[in-house]
Every structure is written in C-alpha cells, then in structure tokens.
mmCIF file of all heavy atoms, coordinates in Angstrom:
data_MODEL
# 
_entry.id   MODEL 
# 
loop_
_atom_site.group_PDB 
_atom_site.id 
_atom_site.type_symbol 
_atom_site.label_atom_id 
_atom_site.label_alt_id 
_atom_site.label_comp_id 
_atom_site.label_asym_id 
_atom_site.label_entity_id 
_atom_site.label_seq_id 
_atom_site.pdbx_PDB_ins_code 
_atom_site.Cartn_x 
_atom_site.Cartn_y 
_atom_site.Cartn_z 
_atom_site.occupancy 
_atom_site.B_iso_or_equiv 
_atom_site.pdbx_formal_charge 
_atom_site.auth_seq_id 
_atom_site.auth_comp_id 
_atom_site.auth_asym_id 
_atom_site.auth_atom_id 
_atom_site.pdbx_PDB_model_num 
ATOM 1   N N   . ASN A 1 1  ? 0.414  -0.239  -9.489  1.00 0.00 ? 1  ASN A N   1 
ATOM 2   C CA  . ASN A 1 1  ? -0.978 -0.505  -9.589  1.00 0.00 ? 1  ASN A CA  1 
ATOM 3   C C   . ASN A 1 1  ? -1.529 -0.892  -8.264  1.00 0.00 ? 1  ASN A C   1 
ATOM 4   O O   . ASN A 1 1  ? -1.396 -1.996  -7.778  1.00 0.00 ? 1  ASN A O   1 
ATOM 5   C CB  . ASN A 1 1  ? -1.254 -1.671  -10.654 1.00 0.00 ? 1  ASN A CB  1 
ATOM 6   C CG  . ASN A 1 1  ? -2.785 -1.915  -10.780 1.00 0.00 ? 1  ASN A CG  1 
ATOM 7   O OD1 . ASN A 1 1  ? -3.613 -1.225  -10.163 1.00 0.00 ? 1  ASN A OD1 1 
ATOM 8   N ND2 . ASN A 1 1  ? -3.112 -3.008  -11.483 1.00 0.00 ? 1  ASN A ND2 1 
ATOM 9   N N   . LEU A 1 2  ? -2.166 0.073   -7.570  1.00 0.00 ? 2  LEU A N   1 
ATOM 10  C CA  . LEU A 1 2  ? -2.702 -0.166  -6.186  1.00 0.00 ? 2  LEU A CA  1 
ATOM 11  C C   . LEU A 1 2  ? -3.783 -1.202  -6.146  1.00 0.00 ? 2  LEU A C   1 
ATOM 12  O O   . LEU A 1 2  ? -4.107 -1.795  -5.066  1.00 0.00 ? 2  LEU A O   1 
ATOM 13  C CB  . LEU A 1 2  ? -3.123 1.167   -5.570  1.00 0.00 ? 2  LEU A CB  1 
ATOM 14  C CG  . LEU A 1 2  ? -2.051 2.248   -5.524  1.00 0.00 ? 2  LEU A CG  1 
ATOM 15  C CD1 . LEU A 1 2  ? -2.650 3.554   -4.919  1.00 0.00 ? 2  LEU A CD1 1 
ATOM 16  C CD2 . LEU A 1 2  ? -0.790 1.807   -4.619  1.00 0.00 ? 2  LEU A CD2 1 
ATOM 17  N N   . ASN A 1 3  ? -4.516 -1.359  -7.270  1.00 0.00 ? 3  ASN A N   1 
ATOM 18  C CA  . ASN A 1 3  ? -5.534 -2.319  -7.335  1.00 0.00 ? 3  ASN A CA  1 
ATOM 19  C C   . ASN A 1 3  ? -5.037 -3.777  -7.446  1.00 0.00 ? 3  ASN A C   1 
ATOM 20  O O   . ASN A 1 3  ? -5.714 -4.720  -7.218  1.00 0.00 ? 3  ASN A O   1 
ATOM 21  C CB  . ASN A 1 3  ? -6.376 -2.091  -8.552  1.00 0.00 ? 3  ASN A CB  1 
ATOM 22  C CG  . ASN A 1 3  ? -7.330 -0.817  -8.384  1.00 0.00 ? 3  ASN A CG  1 
ATOM 23  O OD1 . ASN A 1 3  ? -8.315 -0.909  -7.578  1.00 0.00 ? 3  ASN A OD1 1 
ATOM 24  N ND2 . ASN A 1 3  ? -7.014 0.263   -9.030  1.00 0.00 ? 3  ASN A ND2 1 
ATOM 25  N N   . GLY A 1 4  ? -3.663 -3.884  -7.813  1.00 0.00 ? 4  GLY A N   1 
ATOM 26  C CA  . GLY A 1 4  ? -3.166 -5.174  -8.146  1.00 0.00 ? 4  GLY A CA  1 
ATOM 27  C C   . GLY A 1 4  ? -2.258 -5.708  -7.067  1.00 0.00 ? 4  GLY A C   1 
ATOM 28  O O   . GLY A 1 4  ? -1.506 -6.734  -7.331  1.00 0.00 ? 4  GLY A O   1 
ATOM 29  N N   . ILE A 1 5  ? -2.213 -5.124  -5.832  1.00 0.00 ? 5  ILE A N   1 
ATOM 30  C CA  . ILE A 1 5  ? -1.287 -5.545  -4.813  1.00 0.00 ? 5  ILE A CA  1 
ATOM 31  C C   . ILE A 1 5  ? -1.773 -6.807  -4.257  1.00 0.00 ? 5  ILE A C   1 
ATOM 32  O O   . ILE A 1 5  ? -3.001 -6.967  -3.804  1.00 0.00 ? 5  ILE A O   1 
ATOM 33  C CB  . ILE A 1 5  ? -1.254 -4.499  -3.668  1.00 0.00 ? 5  ILE A CB  1 
ATOM 34  C CG1 . ILE A 1 5  ? -0.452 -3.247  -4.240  1.00 0.00 ? 5  ILE A CG1 1 
ATOM 35  C CG2 . ILE A 1 5  ? -0.437 -4.953  -2.496  1.00 0.00 ? 5  ILE A CG2 1 
ATOM 36  C CD1 . ILE A 1 5  ? -0.539 -2.059  -3.287  1.00 0.00 ? 5  ILE A CD1 1 
ATOM 37  N N   . GLU A 1 6  ? -1.053 -7.883  -4.293  1.00 0.00 ? 6  GLU A N   1 
ATOM 38  C CA  . GLU A 1 6  ? -1.443 -9.195  -3.701  1.00 0.00 ? 6  GLU A CA  1 
ATOM 39  C C   . GLU A 1 6  ? -1.482 -9.197  -2.209  1.00 0.00 ? 6  GLU A C   1 
ATOM 40  O O   . GLU A 1 6  ? -0.629 -8.634  -1.643  1.00 0.00 ? 6  GLU A O   1 
ATOM 41  C CB  . GLU A 1 6  ? -0.481 -10.247 -4.290  1.00 0.00 ? 6  GLU A CB  1 
ATOM 42  C CG  . GLU A 1 6  ? -0.652 -10.495 -5.745  1.00 0.00 ? 6  GLU A CG  1 
ATOM 43  C CD  . GLU A 1 6  ? 0.181  -11.742 -6.174  1.00 0.00 ? 6  GLU A CD  1 
ATOM 44  O OE1 . GLU A 1 6  ? 0.587  -12.606 -5.328  1.00 0.00 ? 6  GLU A OE1 1 
ATOM 45  O OE2 . GLU A 1 6  ? 0.376  -11.815 -7.363  1.00 0.00 ? 6  GLU A OE2 1 
ATOM 46  N N   . VAL A 1 7  ? -2.558 -9.792  -1.725  1.00 0.00 ? 7  VAL A N   1 
ATOM 47  C CA  . VAL A 1 7  ? -2.732 -9.838  -0.271  1.00 0.00 ? 7  VAL A CA  1 
ATOM 48  C C   . VAL A 1 7  ? -1.650 -10.774 0.319   1.00 0.00 ? 7  VAL A C   1 
ATOM 49  O O   . VAL A 1 7  ? -1.420 -11.837 -0.119  1.00 0.00 ? 7  VAL A O   1 
ATOM 50  C CB  . VAL A 1 7  ? -4.066 -10.424 0.119   1.00 0.00 ? 7  VAL A CB  1 
ATOM 51  C CG1 . VAL A 1 7  ? -4.204 -10.549 1.582   1.00 0.00 ? 7  VAL A CG1 1 
ATOM 52  C CG2 . VAL A 1 7  ? -5.139 -9.467  -0.473  1.00 0.00 ? 7  VAL A CG2 1 
ATOM 53  N N   . GLY A 1 8  ? -1.064 -10.311 1.321   1.00 0.00 ? 8  GLY A N   1 
ATOM 54  C CA  . GLY A 1 8  ? 0.016  -11.029 2.053   1.00 0.00 ? 8  GLY A CA  1 
ATOM 55  C C   . GLY A 1 8  ? 0.367  -10.243 3.404   1.00 0.00 ? 8  GLY A C   1 
ATOM 56  O O   . GLY A 1 8  ? -0.515 -9.862  4.045   1.00 0.00 ? 8  GLY A O   1 
ATOM 57  N N   . LYS A 1 9  ? 1.673  -10.024 3.490   1.00 0.00 ? 9  LYS A N   1 
ATOM 58  C CA  . LYS A 1 9  ? 2.032  -9.108  4.613   1.00 0.00 ? 9  LYS A CA  1 
ATOM 59  C C   . LYS A 1 9  ? 1.644  -7.718  4.385   1.00 0.00 ? 9  LYS A C   1 
ATOM 60  O O   . LYS A 1 9  ? 1.359  -7.349  3.260   1.00 0.00 ? 9  LYS A O   1 
ATOM 61  C CB  . LYS A 1 9  ? 3.580  -9.195  4.810   1.00 0.00 ? 9  LYS A CB  1 
ATOM 62  C CG  . LYS A 1 9  ? 4.055  -10.634 5.266   1.00 0.00 ? 9  LYS A CG  1 
ATOM 63  C CD  . LYS A 1 9  ? 5.519  -10.559 5.648   1.00 0.00 ? 9  LYS A CD  1 
ATOM 64  C CE  . LYS A 1 9  ? 5.917  -11.764 6.392   1.00 0.00 ? 9  LYS A CE  1 
ATOM 65  N NZ  . LYS A 1 9  ? 6.275  -12.876 5.538   1.00 0.00 ? 9  LYS A NZ  1 
ATOM 66  N N   . PRO A 1 10 ? 1.441  -6.840  5.446   1.00 0.00 ? 10 PRO A N   1 
ATOM 67  C CA  . PRO A 1 10 ? 1.025  -5.534  5.267   1.00 0.00 ? 10 PRO A CA  1 
ATOM 68  C C   . PRO A 1 10 ? 1.884  -4.837  4.177   1.00 0.00 ? 10 PRO A C   1 
ATOM 69  O O   . PRO A 1 10 ? 3.096  -4.865  4.230   1.00 0.00 ? 10 PRO A O   1 
ATOM 70  C CB  . PRO A 1 10 ? 1.182  -4.922  6.664   1.00 0.00 ? 10 PRO A CB  1 
ATOM 71  C CG  . PRO A 1 10 ? 1.100  -6.045  7.616   1.00 0.00 ? 10 PRO A CG  1 
ATOM 72  C CD  . PRO A 1 10 ? 1.604  -7.155  6.897   1.00 0.00 ? 10 PRO A CD  1 
ATOM 73  N N   . ALA A 1 11 ? 1.176  -4.100  3.299   1.00 0.00 ? 11 ALA A N   1 
ATOM 74  C CA  . ALA A 1 11 ? 1.842  -3.371  2.182   1.00 0.00 ? 11 ALA A CA  1 
ATOM 75  C C   . ALA A 1 11 ? 1.712  -1.985  2.400   1.00 0.00 ? 11 ALA A C   1 
ATOM 76  O O   . ALA A 1 11 ? 0.750  -1.354  2.932   1.00 0.00 ? 11 ALA A O   1 
ATOM 77  C CB  . ALA A 1 11 ? 1.102  -3.770  0.854   1.00 0.00 ? 11 ALA A CB  1 
ATOM 78  N N   . PHE A 1 12 ? 2.833  -1.198  1.989   1.00 0.00 ? 12 PHE A N   1 
ATOM 79  C CA  . PHE A 1 12 ? 2.909  0.253   2.204   1.00 0.00 ? 12 PHE A CA  1 
ATOM 80  C C   . PHE A 1 12 ? 3.262  0.828   0.799   1.00 0.00 ? 12 PHE A C   1 
ATOM 81  O O   . PHE A 1 12 ? 4.270  0.406   0.218   1.00 0.00 ? 12 PHE A O   1 
ATOM 82  C CB  . PHE A 1 12 ? 3.987  0.486   3.279   1.00 0.00 ? 12 PHE A CB  1 
ATOM 83  C CG  . PHE A 1 12 ? 4.421  1.951   3.359   1.00 0.00 ? 12 PHE A CG  1 
ATOM 84  C CD1 . PHE A 1 12 ? 3.761  2.816   4.135   1.00 0.00 ? 12 PHE A CD1 1 
ATOM 85  C CD2 . PHE A 1 12 ? 5.426  2.393   2.595   1.00 0.00 ? 12 PHE A CD2 1 
ATOM 86  C CE1 . PHE A 1 12 ? 4.171  4.145   4.309   1.00 0.00 ? 12 PHE A CE1 1 
ATOM 87  C CE2 . PHE A 1 12 ? 5.897  3.772   2.642   1.00 0.00 ? 12 PHE A CE2 1 
ATOM 88  C CZ  . PHE A 1 12 ? 5.270  4.594   3.544   1.00 0.00 ? 12 PHE A CZ  1 
ATOM 89  N N   . VAL A 1 13 ? 2.628  1.902   0.433   1.00 0.00 ? 13 VAL A N   1 
ATOM 90  C CA  . VAL A 1 13 ? 3.057  2.666   -0.740  1.00 0.00 ? 13 VAL A CA  1 
ATOM 91  C C   . VAL A 1 13 ? 3.014  4.172   -0.284  1.00 0.00 ? 13 VAL A C   1 
ATOM 92  O O   . VAL A 1 13 ? 1.939  4.688   0.155   1.00 0.00 ? 13 VAL A O   1 
ATOM 93  C CB  . VAL A 1 13 ? 2.213  2.487   -2.019  1.00 0.00 ? 13 VAL A CB  1 
ATOM 94  C CG1 . VAL A 1 13 ? 2.697  3.346   -3.111  1.00 0.00 ? 13 VAL A CG1 1 
ATOM 95  C CG2 . VAL A 1 13 ? 2.214  0.956   -2.359  1.00 0.00 ? 13 VAL A CG2 1 
ATOM 96  N N   . TRP A 1 14 ? 4.104  4.868   -0.552  1.00 0.00 ? 14 TRP A N   1 
ATOM 97  C CA  . TRP A 1 14 ? 4.235  6.300   -0.099  1.00 0.00 ? 14 TRP A CA  1 
ATOM 98  C C   . TRP A 1 14 ? 3.981  7.172   -1.268  1.00 0.00 ? 14 TRP A C   1 
ATOM 99  O O   . TRP A 1 14 ? 4.526  6.901   -2.390  1.00 0.00 ? 14 TRP A O   1 
ATOM 100 C CB  . TRP A 1 14 ? 5.615  6.504   0.471   1.00 0.00 ? 14 TRP A CB  1 
ATOM 101 C CG  . TRP A 1 14 ? 5.987  7.860   0.979   1.00 0.00 ? 14 TRP A CG  1 
ATOM 102 C CD1 . TRP A 1 14 ? 5.308  8.686   1.790   1.00 0.00 ? 14 TRP A CD1 1 
ATOM 103 C CD2 . TRP A 1 14 ? 7.270  8.481   0.674   1.00 0.00 ? 14 TRP A CD2 1 
ATOM 104 N NE1 . TRP A 1 14 ? 5.988  9.813   2.038   1.00 0.00 ? 14 TRP A NE1 1 
ATOM 105 C CE2 . TRP A 1 14 ? 7.120  9.718   1.405   1.00 0.00 ? 14 TRP A CE2 1 
ATOM 106 C CE3 . TRP A 1 14 ? 8.392  8.124   0.033   1.00 0.00 ? 14 TRP A CE3 1 
ATOM 107 C CZ2 . TRP A 1 14 ? 8.172  10.636  1.396   1.00 0.00 ? 14 TRP A CZ2 1 
ATOM 108 C CZ3 . TRP A 1 14 ? 9.424  9.086   0.030   1.00 0.00 ? 14 TRP A CZ3 1 
ATOM 109 C CH2 . TRP A 1 14 ? 9.373  10.255  0.687   1.00 0.00 ? 14 TRP A CH2 1 
ATOM 110 N N   . PHE A 1 15 ? 3.235  8.301   -1.086  1.00 0.00 ? 15 PHE A N   1 
ATOM 111 C CA  . PHE A 1 15 ? 3.034  9.233   -2.270  1.00 0.00 ? 15 PHE A CA  1 
ATOM 112 C C   . PHE A 1 15 ? 3.791  10.537  -1.983  1.00 0.00 ? 15 PHE A C   1 
ATOM 113 O O   . PHE A 1 15 ? 3.452  11.546  -2.618  1.00 0.00 ? 15 PHE A O   1 
ATOM 114 C CB  . PHE A 1 15 ? 1.519  9.532   -2.330  1.00 0.00 ? 15 PHE A CB  1 
ATOM 115 C CG  . PHE A 1 15 ? 0.738  8.278   -2.422  1.00 0.00 ? 15 PHE A CG  1 
ATOM 116 C CD1 . PHE A 1 15 ? -0.325 8.034   -1.561  1.00 0.00 ? 15 PHE A CD1 1 
ATOM 117 C CD2 . PHE A 1 15 ? 0.930  7.368   -3.439  1.00 0.00 ? 15 PHE A CD2 1 
ATOM 118 C CE1 . PHE A 1 15 ? -1.074 6.870   -1.613  1.00 0.00 ? 15 PHE A CE1 1 
ATOM 119 C CE2 . PHE A 1 15 ? 0.197  6.170   -3.526  1.00 0.00 ? 15 PHE A CE2 1 
ATOM 120 C CZ  . PHE A 1 15 ? -0.843 5.924   -2.615  1.00 0.00 ? 15 PHE A CZ  1 
ATOM 121 N N   . GLY A 1 16 ? 4.794  10.472  -1.190  1.00 0.00 ? 16 GLY A N   1 
ATOM 122 C CA  . GLY A 1 16 ? 5.594  11.723  -0.920  1.00 0.00 ? 16 GLY A CA  1 
ATOM 123 C C   . GLY A 1 16 ? 4.948  12.484  0.387   1.00 0.00 ? 16 GLY A C   1 
ATOM 124 O O   . GLY A 1 16 ? 3.735  12.305  0.592   1.00 0.00 ? 16 GLY A O   1 
ATOM 125 N N   . HIS A 1 17 ? 5.749  13.285  1.049   1.00 0.00 ? 17 HIS A N   1 
ATOM 126 C CA  . HIS A 1 17 ? 5.325  13.992  2.250   1.00 0.00 ? 17 HIS A CA  1 
ATOM 127 C C   . HIS A 1 17 ? 4.665  13.002  3.253   1.00 0.00 ? 17 HIS A C   1 
ATOM 128 O O   . HIS A 1 17 ? 5.346  12.012  3.549   1.00 0.00 ? 17 HIS A O   1 
ATOM 129 C CB  . HIS A 1 17 ? 4.315  15.137  1.909   1.00 0.00 ? 17 HIS A CB  1 
ATOM 130 C CG  . HIS A 1 17 ? 4.387  16.184  2.982   1.00 0.00 ? 17 HIS A CG  1 
ATOM 131 N ND1 . HIS A 1 17 ? 5.388  16.900  3.325   1.00 0.00 ? 17 HIS A ND1 1 
ATOM 132 C CD2 . HIS A 1 17 ? 3.312  16.707  3.725   1.00 0.00 ? 17 HIS A CD2 1 
ATOM 133 C CE1 . HIS A 1 17 ? 5.115  17.801  4.242   1.00 0.00 ? 17 HIS A CE1 1 
ATOM 134 N NE2 . HIS A 1 17 ? 3.803  17.623  4.562   1.00 0.00 ? 17 HIS A NE2 1 
ATOM 135 N N   . SER A 1 18 ? 3.472  13.194  3.724   1.00 0.00 ? 18 SER A N   1 
ATOM 136 C CA  . SER A 1 18 ? 2.872  12.358  4.663   1.00 0.00 ? 18 SER A CA  1 
ATOM 137 C C   . SER A 1 18 ? 1.646  11.543  4.190   1.00 0.00 ? 18 SER A C   1 
ATOM 138 O O   . SER A 1 18 ? 0.836  11.062  4.975   1.00 0.00 ? 18 SER A O   1 
ATOM 139 C CB  . SER A 1 18 ? 2.443  13.116  5.934   1.00 0.00 ? 18 SER A CB  1 
ATOM 140 O OG  . SER A 1 18 ? 3.507  13.572  6.607   1.00 0.00 ? 18 SER A OG  1 
ATOM 141 N N   . SER A 1 19 ? 1.578  11.413  2.858   1.00 0.00 ? 19 SER A N   1 
ATOM 142 C CA  . SER A 1 19 ? 0.490  10.640  2.191   1.00 0.00 ? 19 SER A CA  1 
ATOM 143 C C   . SER A 1 19 ? 0.905  9.262   1.898   1.00 0.00 ? 19 SER A C   1 
ATOM 144 O O   . SER A 1 19 ? 1.925  9.106   1.261   1.00 0.00 ? 19 SER A O   1 
ATOM 145 C CB  . SER A 1 19 ? -0.044 11.317  0.951   1.00 0.00 ? 19 SER A CB  1 
ATOM 146 O OG  . SER A 1 19 ? -0.280 12.738  1.135   1.00 0.00 ? 19 SER A OG  1 
ATOM 147 N N   . TYR A 1 20 ? 0.074  8.283   2.349   1.00 0.00 ? 20 TYR A N   1 
ATOM 148 C CA  . TYR A 1 20 ? 0.467  6.897   2.056   1.00 0.00 ? 20 TYR A CA  1 
ATOM 149 C C   . TYR A 1 20 ? -0.688 5.949   2.159   1.00 0.00 ? 20 TYR A C   1 
ATOM 150 O O   . TYR A 1 20 ? -1.736 6.242   2.747   1.00 0.00 ? 20 TYR A O   1 
ATOM 151 C CB  . TYR A 1 20 ? 1.633  6.370   2.955   1.00 0.00 ? 20 TYR A CB  1 
ATOM 152 C CG  . TYR A 1 20 ? 1.436  6.604   4.343   1.00 0.00 ? 20 TYR A CG  1 
ATOM 153 C CD1 . TYR A 1 20 ? 0.828  5.552   5.258   1.00 0.00 ? 20 TYR A CD1 1 
ATOM 154 C CD2 . TYR A 1 20 ? 1.967  7.698   5.070   1.00 0.00 ? 20 TYR A CD2 1 
ATOM 155 C CE1 . TYR A 1 20 ? 0.700  5.755   6.600   1.00 0.00 ? 20 TYR A CE1 1 
ATOM 156 C CE2 . TYR A 1 20 ? 1.795  7.827   6.453   1.00 0.00 ? 20 TYR A CE2 1 
ATOM 157 C CZ  . TYR A 1 20 ? 1.228  6.935   7.183   1.00 0.00 ? 20 TYR A CZ  1 
ATOM 158 O OH  . TYR A 1 20 ? 1.049  7.093   8.524   1.00 0.00 ? 20 TYR A OH  1 
ATOM 159 N N   . PHE A 1 21 ? -0.500 4.817   1.469   1.00 0.00 ? 21 PHE A N   1 
ATOM 160 C CA  . PHE A 1 21 ? -1.497 3.815   1.326   1.00 0.00 ? 21 PHE A CA  1 
ATOM 161 C C   . PHE A 1 21 ? -1.049 2.515   2.084   1.00 0.00 ? 21 PHE A C   1 
ATOM 162 O O   . PHE A 1 21 ? 0.084  2.113   1.982   1.00 0.00 ? 21 PHE A O   1 
ATOM 163 C CB  . PHE A 1 21 ? -1.731 3.538   -0.175  1.00 0.00 ? 21 PHE A CB  1 
ATOM 164 C CG  . PHE A 1 21 ? -2.573 2.370   -0.476  1.00 0.00 ? 21 PHE A CG  1 
ATOM 165 C CD1 . PHE A 1 21 ? -3.993 2.531   -0.523  1.00 0.00 ? 21 PHE A CD1 1 
ATOM 166 C CD2 . PHE A 1 21 ? -2.034 1.134   -0.835  1.00 0.00 ? 21 PHE A CD2 1 
ATOM 167 C CE1 . PHE A 1 21 ? -4.777 1.485   -0.857  1.00 0.00 ? 21 PHE A CE1 1 
ATOM 168 C CE2 . PHE A 1 21 ? -2.958 0.038   -1.211  1.00 0.00 ? 21 PHE A CE2 1 
ATOM 169 C CZ  . PHE A 1 21 ? -4.272 0.238   -1.193  1.00 0.00 ? 21 PHE A CZ  1 
ATOM 170 N N   . LEU A 1 22 ? -1.941 1.943   2.811   1.00 0.00 ? 22 LEU A N   1 
ATOM 171 C CA  . LEU A 1 22 ? -1.666 0.581   3.413   1.00 0.00 ? 22 LEU A CA  1 
ATOM 172 C C   . LEU A 1 22 ? -2.658 -0.423  2.994   1.00 0.00 ? 22 LEU A C   1 
ATOM 173 O O   . LEU A 1 22 ? -3.811 -0.030  2.826   1.00 0.00 ? 22 LEU A O   1 
ATOM 174 C CB  . LEU A 1 22 ? -1.775 0.809   4.934   1.00 0.00 ? 22 LEU A CB  1 
ATOM 175 C CG  . LEU A 1 22 ? -0.773 1.733   5.624   1.00 0.00 ? 22 LEU A CG  1 
ATOM 176 C CD1 . LEU A 1 22 ? -1.215 2.012   7.031   1.00 0.00 ? 22 LEU A CD1 1 
ATOM 177 C CD2 . LEU A 1 22 ? 0.624  1.083   5.642   1.00 0.00 ? 22 LEU A CD2 1 
ATOM 178 N N   . LYS A 1 23 ? -2.260 -1.598  2.745   1.00 0.00 ? 23 LYS A N   1 
ATOM 179 C CA  . LYS A 1 23 ? -3.203 -2.764  2.488   1.00 0.00 ? 23 LYS A CA  1 
ATOM 180 C C   . LYS A 1 23 ? -2.757 -3.886  3.461   1.00 0.00 ? 23 LYS A C   1 
ATOM 181 O O   . LYS A 1 23 ? -1.665 -4.378  3.380   1.00 0.00 ? 23 LYS A O   1 
ATOM 182 C CB  . LYS A 1 23 ? -3.183 -3.148  1.066   1.00 0.00 ? 23 LYS A CB  1 
ATOM 183 C CG  . LYS A 1 23 ? -4.270 -4.235  0.702   1.00 0.00 ? 23 LYS A CG  1 
ATOM 184 C CD  . LYS A 1 23 ? -4.280 -4.468  -0.789  1.00 0.00 ? 23 LYS A CD  1 
ATOM 185 C CE  . LYS A 1 23 ? -5.458 -5.356  -1.111  1.00 0.00 ? 23 LYS A CE  1 
ATOM 186 N NZ  . LYS A 1 23 ? -5.575 -5.719  -2.456  1.00 0.00 ? 23 LYS A NZ  1 
ATOM 187 N N   . ILE A 1 24 ? -3.726 -4.314  4.323   1.00 0.00 ? 24 ILE A N   1 
ATOM 188 C CA  . ILE A 1 24 ? -3.500 -5.374  5.231   1.00 0.00 ? 24 ILE A CA  1 
ATOM 189 C C   . ILE A 1 24 ? -4.604 -6.329  5.037   1.00 0.00 ? 24 ILE A C   1 
ATOM 190 O O   . ILE A 1 24 ? -5.800 -6.081  5.133   1.00 0.00 ? 24 ILE A O   1 
ATOM 191 C CB  . ILE A 1 24 ? -3.448 -4.759  6.664   1.00 0.00 ? 24 ILE A CB  1 
ATOM 192 C CG1 . ILE A 1 24 ? -2.522 -3.670  6.745   1.00 0.00 ? 24 ILE A CG1 1 
ATOM 193 C CG2 . ILE A 1 24 ? -3.044 -5.943  7.667   1.00 0.00 ? 24 ILE A CG2 1 
ATOM 194 C CD1 . ILE A 1 24 ? -2.561 -2.842  7.997   1.00 0.00 ? 24 ILE A CD1 1 
ATOM 195 N N   . LYS A 1 25 ? -4.198 -7.594  4.584   1.00 0.00 ? 25 LYS A N   1 
ATOM 196 C CA  . LYS A 1 25 ? -5.191 -8.535  4.132   1.00 0.00 ? 25 LYS A CA  1 
ATOM 197 C C   . LYS A 1 25 ? -5.982 -7.891  2.963   1.00 0.00 ? 25 LYS A C   1 
ATOM 198 O O   . LYS A 1 25 ? -5.274 -7.387  2.041   1.00 0.00 ? 25 LYS A O   1 
ATOM 199 C CB  . LYS A 1 25 ? -6.084 -9.069  5.225   1.00 0.00 ? 25 LYS A CB  1 
ATOM 200 C CG  . LYS A 1 25 ? -5.314 -9.988  6.165   1.00 0.00 ? 25 LYS A CG  1 
ATOM 201 C CD  . LYS A 1 25 ? -6.302 -10.844 6.962   1.00 0.00 ? 25 LYS A CD  1 
ATOM 202 C CE  . LYS A 1 25 ? -5.515 -11.821 7.870   1.00 0.00 ? 25 LYS A CE  1 
ATOM 203 N NZ  . LYS A 1 25 ? -6.446 -12.514 8.764   1.00 0.00 ? 25 LYS A NZ  1 
# 
C-alpha cells in the first residue's frame, strides 16, 4: 500500500523494468 508507507528512511518500491517509487520524508 503506497499510501501507507511510514515516513522514515528513504523508501523504494520497484514496479519492474525502470519504473519505481521513492518516498523521502
């Protein structure tokens, strides 16, 4: 659940190939 990632250290979620999501703070 990308809406539910708790803020902390930089977070990374990969969607395959070169697509990915980062959450920092």
